[in-house]
Amino acid sequence: MKKFTVTLTKVEREEMKRITTKGKHKSQKVINALILLGCDEGEYQQKRSTNEEISRVLKTSMRKIGRLYCRE
């Protein structure tokens, strides 16, 4: 069931990328940023990923991804 559509602006995408590449952040914050980048359906996203692909690549559960309101 689709709850929300994640659409990030260019500034939001840059912030998520910054979290994943620079500085010290808690691991869950980095994982959440990576999930949001993968689920983004906005105009600045080149390749959309499915929840299954995100789950496999990040080695996280489908439930965690679902809690962040990504598409199924």
PDB file of N, CA and C in Angstrom:
ATOM      1  N   MET A   1       0.841  -1.181   0.000  1.00  0.00           N
ATOM      2  CA  MET A   1       0.000   0.000   0.000  1.00  0.00           C
ATOM      3  C   MET A   1       0.885   1.243   0.000  1.00  0.00           C
ATOM      4  N   LYS A   2       0.630   2.134  -0.899  1.00  0.00           N
ATOM      5  CA  LYS A   2       1.397   3.362  -1.032  1.00  0.00           C
ATOM      6  C   LYS A   2       0.852   4.393  -0.052  1.00  0.00           C
ATOM      7  N   LYS A   3       1.714   4.887   0.833  1.00  0.00           N
ATOM      8  CA  LYS A   3       1.279   5.873   1.813  1.00  0.00           C
ATOM      9  C   LYS A   3       1.512   7.292   1.304  1.00  0.00           C
ATOM     10  N   PHE A   4       2.758   7.573   0.960  1.00  0.00           N
ATOM     11  CA  PHE A   4       3.130   8.896   0.488  1.00  0.00           C
ATOM     12  C   PHE A   4       4.112   8.755  -0.667  1.00  0.00           C
ATOM     13  N   THR A   5       4.205   9.773  -1.460  1.00  0.00           N
ATOM     14  CA  THR A   5       5.212   9.829  -2.514  1.00  0.00           C
ATOM     15  C   THR A   5       6.328  10.739  -2.026  1.00  0.00           C
ATOM     16  N   VAL A   6       7.548  10.247  -2.091  1.00  0.00           N
ATOM     17  CA  VAL A   6       8.694  11.035  -1.661  1.00  0.00           C
ATOM     18  C   VAL A   6       9.189  11.831  -2.863  1.00  0.00           C
ATOM     19  N   THR A   7       9.109  13.143  -2.773  1.00  0.00           N
ATOM     20  CA  THR A   7       9.637  14.016  -3.823  1.00  0.00           C
ATOM     21  C   THR A   7      10.561  15.032  -3.157  1.00  0.00           C
ATOM     22  N   LEU A   8      11.827  14.894  -3.428  1.00  0.00           N
ATOM     23  CA  LEU A   8      12.822  15.787  -2.845  1.00  0.00           C
ATOM     24  C   LEU A   8      13.171  16.897  -3.826  1.00  0.00           C
ATOM     25  N   THR A   9      13.335  18.093  -3.290  1.00  0.00           N
ATOM     26  CA  THR A   9      13.799  19.203  -4.114  1.00  0.00           C
ATOM     27  C   THR A   9      15.302  19.040  -4.324  1.00  0.00           C
ATOM     28  N   LYS A  10      15.861  19.858  -5.174  1.00  0.00           N
ATOM     29  CA  LYS A  10      17.296  19.800  -5.443  1.00  0.00           C
ATOM     30  C   LYS A  10      18.089  20.056  -4.156  1.00  0.00           C
ATOM     31  N   VAL A  11      17.645  21.014  -3.358  1.00  0.00           N
ATOM     32  CA  VAL A  11      18.321  21.353  -2.103  1.00  0.00           C
ATOM     33  C   VAL A  11      18.225  20.186  -1.118  1.00  0.00           C
ATOM     34  N   GLU A  12      17.061  19.563  -1.026  1.00  0.00           N
ATOM     35  CA  GLU A  12      16.888  18.425  -0.126  1.00  0.00           C
ATOM     36  C   GLU A  12      17.759  17.246  -0.549  1.00  0.00           C
ATOM     37  N   ARG A  13      17.842  16.994  -1.861  1.00  0.00           N
ATOM     38  CA  ARG A  13      18.702  15.908  -2.354  1.00  0.00           C
ATOM     39  C   ARG A  13      20.164  16.191  -2.007  1.00  0.00           C
ATOM     40  N   GLU A  14      20.593  17.441  -2.174  1.00  0.00           N
ATOM     41  CA  GLU A  14      21.970  17.802  -1.853  1.00  0.00           C
ATOM     42  C   GLU A  14      22.250  17.595  -0.367  1.00  0.00           C
ATOM     43  N   GLU A  15      21.285  17.927   0.482  1.00  0.00           N
ATOM     44  CA  GLU A  15      21.437  17.743   1.921  1.00  0.00           C
ATOM     45  C   GLU A  15      21.539  16.257   2.267  1.00  0.00           C
ATOM     46  N   MET A  16      20.708  15.425   1.655  1.00  0.00           N
ATOM     47  CA  MET A  16      20.764  13.975   1.900  1.00  0.00           C
ATOM     48  C   MET A  16      22.108  13.409   1.428  1.00  0.00           C
ATOM     49  N   LYS A  17      22.595  13.871   0.292  1.00  0.00           N
ATOM     50  CA  LYS A  17      23.891  13.419  -0.209  1.00  0.00           C
ATOM     51  C   LYS A  17      25.011  13.856   0.718  1.00  0.00           C
ATOM     52  N   ARG A  18      24.905  15.077   1.248  1.00  0.00           N
ATOM     53  CA  ARG A  18      25.920  15.592   2.175  1.00  0.00           C
ATOM     54  C   ARG A  18      25.961  14.743   3.445  1.00  0.00           C
ATOM     55  N   ILE A  19      24.793  14.364   3.942  1.00  0.00           N
ATOM     56  CA  ILE A  19      24.726  13.524   5.144  1.00  0.00           C
ATOM     57  C   ILE A  19      25.423  12.184   4.900  1.00  0.00           C
ATOM     58  N   THR A  20      25.249  11.641   3.699  1.00  0.00           N
ATOM     59  CA  THR A  20      25.806  10.319   3.422  1.00  0.00           C
ATOM     60  C   THR A  20      27.291  10.340   3.081  1.00  0.00           C
ATOM     61  N   THR A  21      27.838  11.503   2.769  1.00  0.00           N
ATOM     62  CA  THR A  21      29.232  11.533   2.328  1.00  0.00           C
ATOM     63  C   THR A  21      30.175  12.307   3.237  1.00  0.00           C
ATOM     64  N   LYS A  22      29.677  13.238   4.030  1.00  0.00           N
ATOM     65  CA  LYS A  22      30.571  14.102   4.793  1.00  0.00           C
ATOM     66  C   LYS A  22      30.185  14.153   6.263  1.00  0.00           C
ATOM     67  N   GLY A  23      31.175  14.380   7.087  1.00  0.00           N
ATOM     68  CA  GLY A  23      30.935  14.616   8.498  1.00  0.00           C
ATOM     69  C   GLY A  23      30.644  13.357   9.288  1.00  0.00           C
ATOM     70  N   LYS A  24      30.351  13.570  10.575  1.00  0.00           N
ATOM     71  CA  LYS A  24      30.007  12.469  11.472  1.00  0.00           C
ATOM     72  C   LYS A  24      28.507  12.504  11.727  1.00  0.00           C
ATOM     73  N   HIS A  25      27.853  11.401  11.392  1.00  0.00           N
ATOM     74  CA  HIS A  25      26.424  11.280  11.625  1.00  0.00           C
ATOM     75  C   HIS A  25      26.147   9.897  12.171  1.00  0.00           C
ATOM     76  N   LYS A  26      25.059   9.769  12.906  1.00  0.00           N
ATOM     77  CA  LYS A  26      24.666   8.461  13.398  1.00  0.00           C
ATOM     78  C   LYS A  26      24.325   7.568  12.216  1.00  0.00           C
ATOM     79  N   SER A  27      24.618   6.288  12.367  1.00  0.00           N
ATOM     80  CA  SER A  27      24.432   5.348  11.258  1.00  0.00           C
ATOM     81  C   SER A  27      22.989   5.306  10.773  1.00  0.00           C
ATOM     82  N   GLN A  28      22.019   5.388  11.679  1.00  0.00           N
ATOM     83  CA  GLN A  28      20.616   5.339  11.265  1.00  0.00           C
ATOM     84  C   GLN A  28      20.225   6.569  10.456  1.00  0.00           C
ATOM     85  N   LYS A  29      20.834   7.696  10.760  1.00  0.00           N
ATOM     86  CA  LYS A  29      20.561   8.910   9.984  1.00  0.00           C
ATOM     87  C   LYS A  29      21.082   8.757   8.557  1.00  0.00           C
ATOM     88  N   VAL A  30      22.253   8.156   8.416  1.00  0.00           N
ATOM     89  CA  VAL A  30      22.831   7.934   7.095  1.00  0.00           C
ATOM     90  C   VAL A  30      21.963   6.945   6.307  1.00  0.00           C
ATOM     91  N   ILE A  31      21.545   5.857   6.956  1.00  0.00           N
ATOM     92  CA  ILE A  31      20.709   4.864   6.286  1.00  0.00           C
ATOM     93  C   ILE A  31      19.381   5.492   5.864  1.00  0.00           C
ATOM     94  N   ASN A  32      18.781   6.288   6.732  1.00  0.00           N
ATOM     95  CA  ASN A  32      17.520   6.960   6.382  1.00  0.00           C
ATOM     96  C   ASN A  32      17.710   7.885   5.188  1.00  0.00           C
ATOM     97  N   ALA A  33      18.819   8.601   5.143  1.00  0.00           N
ATOM     98  CA  ALA A  33      19.090   9.496   4.010  1.00  0.00           C
ATOM     99  C   ALA A  33      19.245   8.691   2.721  1.00  0.00           C
ATOM    100  N   LEU A  34      19.936   7.551   2.797  1.00  0.00           N
ATOM    101  CA  LEU A  34      20.102   6.698   1.615  1.00  0.00           C
ATOM    102  C   LEU A  34      18.767   6.137   1.144  1.00  0.00           C
ATOM    103  N   ILE A  35      17.909   5.759   2.082  1.00  0.00           N
ATOM    104  CA  ILE A  35      16.579   5.247   1.731  1.00  0.00           C
ATOM    105  C   ILE A  35      15.771   6.335   1.036  1.00  0.00           C
ATOM    106  N   LEU A  36      15.781   7.533   1.590  1.00  0.00           N
ATOM    107  CA  LEU A  36      15.018   8.631   0.982  1.00  0.00           C
ATOM    108  C   LEU A  36      15.541   8.978  -0.409  1.00  0.00           C
ATOM    109  N   LEU A  37      16.847   8.930  -0.586  1.00  0.00           N
ATOM    110  CA  LEU A  37      17.414   9.186  -1.916  1.00  0.00           C
ATOM    111  C   LEU A  37      16.963   8.121  -2.907  1.00  0.00           C
ATOM    112  N   GLY A  38      16.903   6.884  -2.462  1.00  0.00           N
ATOM    113  CA  GLY A  38      16.477   5.805  -3.348  1.00  0.00           C
ATOM    114  C   GLY A  38      14.994   5.845  -3.672  1.00  0.00           C
ATOM    115  N   CYS A  39      14.182   6.327  -2.729  1.00  0.00           N
ATOM    116  CA  CYS A  39      12.726   6.355  -2.906  1.00  0.00           C
ATOM    117  C   CYS A  39      12.222   7.612  -3.608  1.00  0.00           C
ATOM    118  N   ASP A  40      13.094   8.571  -3.776  1.00  0.00           N
ATOM    119  CA  ASP A  40      12.696   9.854  -4.350  1.00  0.00           C
ATOM    120  C   ASP A  40      12.054   9.677  -5.727  1.00  0.00           C
ATOM    121  N   GLU A  41      10.932  10.323  -5.926  1.00  0.00           N
ATOM    122  CA  GLU A  41      10.247  10.317  -7.218  1.00  0.00           C
ATOM    123  C   GLU A  41      10.200  11.704  -7.833  1.00  0.00           C
ATOM    124  N   GLY A  42      11.037  12.603  -7.348  1.00  0.00           N
ATOM    125  CA  GLY A  42      11.067  13.968  -7.850  1.00  0.00           C
ATOM    126  C   GLY A  42      11.777  14.084  -9.181  1.00  0.00           C
ATOM    127  N   GLU A  43      11.782  15.273  -9.713  1.00  0.00           N
ATOM    128  CA  GLU A  43      12.333  15.499 -11.046  1.00  0.00           C
ATOM    129  C   GLU A  43      13.855  15.395 -11.089  1.00  0.00           C
ATOM    130  N   TYR A  44      14.543  15.454  -9.938  1.00  0.00           N
ATOM    131  CA  TYR A  44      16.005  15.408  -9.923  1.00  0.00           C
ATOM    132  C   TYR A  44      16.545  13.995  -9.747  1.00  0.00           C
ATOM    133  N   GLN A  45      15.676  13.024  -9.651  1.00  0.00           N
ATOM    134  CA  GLN A  45      16.081  11.625  -9.507  1.00  0.00           C
ATOM    135  C   GLN A  45      16.311  11.017 -10.886  1.00  0.00           C
ATOM    136  N   GLN A  46      17.485  10.423 -11.094  1.00  0.00           N
ATOM    137  CA  GLN A  46      17.770   9.806 -12.380  1.00  0.00           C
ATOM    138  C   GLN A  46      17.193   8.392 -12.464  1.00  0.00           C
ATOM    139  N   LYS A  47      17.478   7.560 -11.482  1.00  0.00           N
ATOM    140  CA  LYS A  47      17.026   6.171 -11.505  1.00  0.00           C
ATOM    141  C   LYS A  47      16.288   5.858 -10.212  1.00  0.00           C
ATOM    142  N   ARG A  48      15.021   5.497 -10.339  1.00  0.00           N
ATOM    143  CA  ARG A  48      14.240   5.138  -9.167  1.00  0.00           C
ATOM    144  C   ARG A  48      14.499   3.682  -8.814  1.00  0.00           C
ATOM    145  N   SER A  49      14.551   3.397  -7.522  1.00  0.00           N
ATOM    146  CA  SER A  49      14.780   2.032  -7.050  1.00  0.00           C
ATOM    147  C   SER A  49      13.520   1.499  -6.394  1.00  0.00           C
ATOM    148  N   THR A  50      13.344   0.197  -6.459  1.00  0.00           N
ATOM    149  CA  THR A  50      12.217  -0.415  -5.748  1.00  0.00           C
ATOM    150  C   THR A  50      12.622  -0.634  -4.296  1.00  0.00           C
ATOM    151  N   ASN A  51      11.627  -0.848  -3.452  1.00  0.00           N
ATOM    152  CA  ASN A  51      11.911  -1.112  -2.047  1.00  0.00           C
ATOM    153  C   ASN A  51      12.774  -2.357  -1.891  1.00  0.00           C
ATOM    154  N   GLU A  52      12.524  -3.363  -2.720  1.00  0.00           N
ATOM    155  CA  GLU A  52      13.297  -4.602  -2.644  1.00  0.00           C
ATOM    156  C   GLU A  52      14.778  -4.347  -2.955  1.00  0.00           C
ATOM    157  N   GLU A  53      15.048  -3.524  -3.963  1.00  0.00           N
ATOM    158  CA  GLU A  53      16.433  -3.200  -4.317  1.00  0.00           C
ATOM    159  C   GLU A  53      17.111  -2.433  -3.182  1.00  0.00           C
ATOM    160  N   ILE A  54      16.403  -1.471  -2.623  1.00  0.00           N
ATOM    161  CA  ILE A  54      16.959  -0.671  -1.524  1.00  0.00           C
ATOM    162  C   ILE A  54      17.248  -1.563  -0.326  1.00  0.00           C
ATOM    163  N   SER A  55      16.315  -2.435  -0.001  1.00  0.00           N
ATOM    164  CA  SER A  55      16.468  -3.353   1.128  1.00  0.00           C
ATOM    165  C   SER A  55      17.683  -4.261   0.940  1.00  0.00           C
ATOM    166  N   ARG A  56      17.849  -4.790  -0.251  1.00  0.00           N
ATOM    167  CA  ARG A  56      18.958  -5.698  -0.538  1.00  0.00           C
ATOM    168  C   ARG A  56      20.299  -4.958  -0.477  1.00  0.00           C
ATOM    169  N   VAL A  57      20.375  -3.792  -1.087  1.00  0.00           N
ATOM    170  CA  VAL A  57      21.632  -3.048  -1.151  1.00  0.00           C
ATOM    171  C   VAL A  57      22.057  -2.535   0.227  1.00  0.00           C
ATOM    172  N   LEU A  58      21.109  -2.001   0.991  1.00  0.00           N
ATOM    173  CA  LEU A  58      21.431  -1.433   2.300  1.00  0.00           C
ATOM    174  C   LEU A  58      21.390  -2.466   3.420  1.00  0.00           C
ATOM    175  N   LYS A  59      20.980  -3.693   3.085  1.00  0.00           N
ATOM    176  CA  LYS A  59      20.856  -4.770   4.065  1.00  0.00           C
ATOM    177  C   LYS A  59      19.992  -4.340   5.251  1.00  0.00           C
ATOM    178  N   THR A  60      18.834  -3.828   4.926  1.00  0.00           N
ATOM    179  CA  THR A  60      17.867  -3.396   5.926  1.00  0.00           C
ATOM    180  C   THR A  60      16.523  -4.044   5.622  1.00  0.00           C
ATOM    181  N   SER A  61      15.605  -3.962   6.551  1.00  0.00           N
ATOM    182  CA  SER A  61      14.321  -4.645   6.379  1.00  0.00           C
ATOM    183  C   SER A  61      13.358  -3.816   5.534  1.00  0.00           C
ATOM    184  N   MET A  62      12.426  -4.526   4.918  1.00  0.00           N
ATOM    185  CA  MET A  62      11.371  -3.866   4.157  1.00  0.00           C
ATOM    186  C   MET A  62      10.506  -3.018   5.091  1.00  0.00           C
ATOM    187  N   ARG A  63      10.372  -3.475   6.317  1.00  0.00           N
ATOM    188  CA  ARG A  63       9.552  -2.748   7.280  1.00  0.00           C
ATOM    189  C   ARG A  63      10.134  -1.359   7.575  1.00  0.00           C
ATOM    190  N   LYS A  64      11.461  -1.279   7.713  1.00  0.00           N
ATOM    191  CA  LYS A  64      12.108   0.013   7.958  1.00  0.00           C
ATOM    192  C   LYS A  64      11.852   0.956   6.782  1.00  0.00           C
ATOM    193  N   ILE A  65      11.973   0.429   5.596  1.00  0.00           N
ATOM    194  CA  ILE A  65      11.731   1.242   4.407  1.00  0.00           C
ATOM    195  C   ILE A  65      10.278   1.703   4.389  1.00  0.00           C
ATOM    196  N   GLY A  66       9.359   0.818   4.704  1.00  0.00           N
ATOM    197  CA  GLY A  66       7.949   1.161   4.753  1.00  0.00           C
ATOM    198  C   GLY A  66       7.640   2.240   5.772  1.00  0.00           C
ATOM    199  N   ARG A  67       8.353   2.226   6.876  1.00  0.00           N
ATOM    200  CA  ARG A  67       8.135   3.260   7.907  1.00  0.00           C
ATOM    201  C   ARG A  67       8.541   4.635   7.426  1.00  0.00           C
ATOM    202  N   LEU A  68       9.425   4.688   6.439  1.00  0.00           N
ATOM    203  CA  LEU A  68       9.829   5.982   5.879  1.00  0.00           C
ATOM    204  C   LEU A  68       8.932   6.432   4.745  1.00  0.00           C
ATOM    205  N   TYR A  69       7.822   5.718   4.533  1.00  0.00           N
ATOM    206  CA  TYR A  69       6.785   6.088   3.566  1.00  0.00           C
ATOM    207  C   TYR A  69       7.230   6.010   2.118  1.00  0.00           C
ATOM    208  N   CYS A  70       7.967   4.994   1.772  1.00  0.00           N
ATOM    209  CA  CYS A  70       8.370   4.807   0.386  1.00  0.00           C
ATOM    210  C   CYS A  70       7.313   4.006  -0.353  1.00  0.00           C
ATOM    211  N   ARG A  71       7.410   4.002  -1.674  1.00  0.00           N
ATOM    212  CA  ARG A  71       6.464   3.260  -2.491  1.00  0.00           C
ATOM    213  C   ARG A  71       6.802   1.781  -2.420  1.00  0.00           C
ATOM    214  N   GLU A  72       5.824   0.976  -2.734  1.00  0.00           N
ATOM    215  CA  GLU A  72       6.036  -0.474  -2.700  1.00  0.00           C
ATOM    216  C   GLU A  72       6.228  -1.011  -4.079  1.00  0.00           C
TER     217      GLU A  72
END
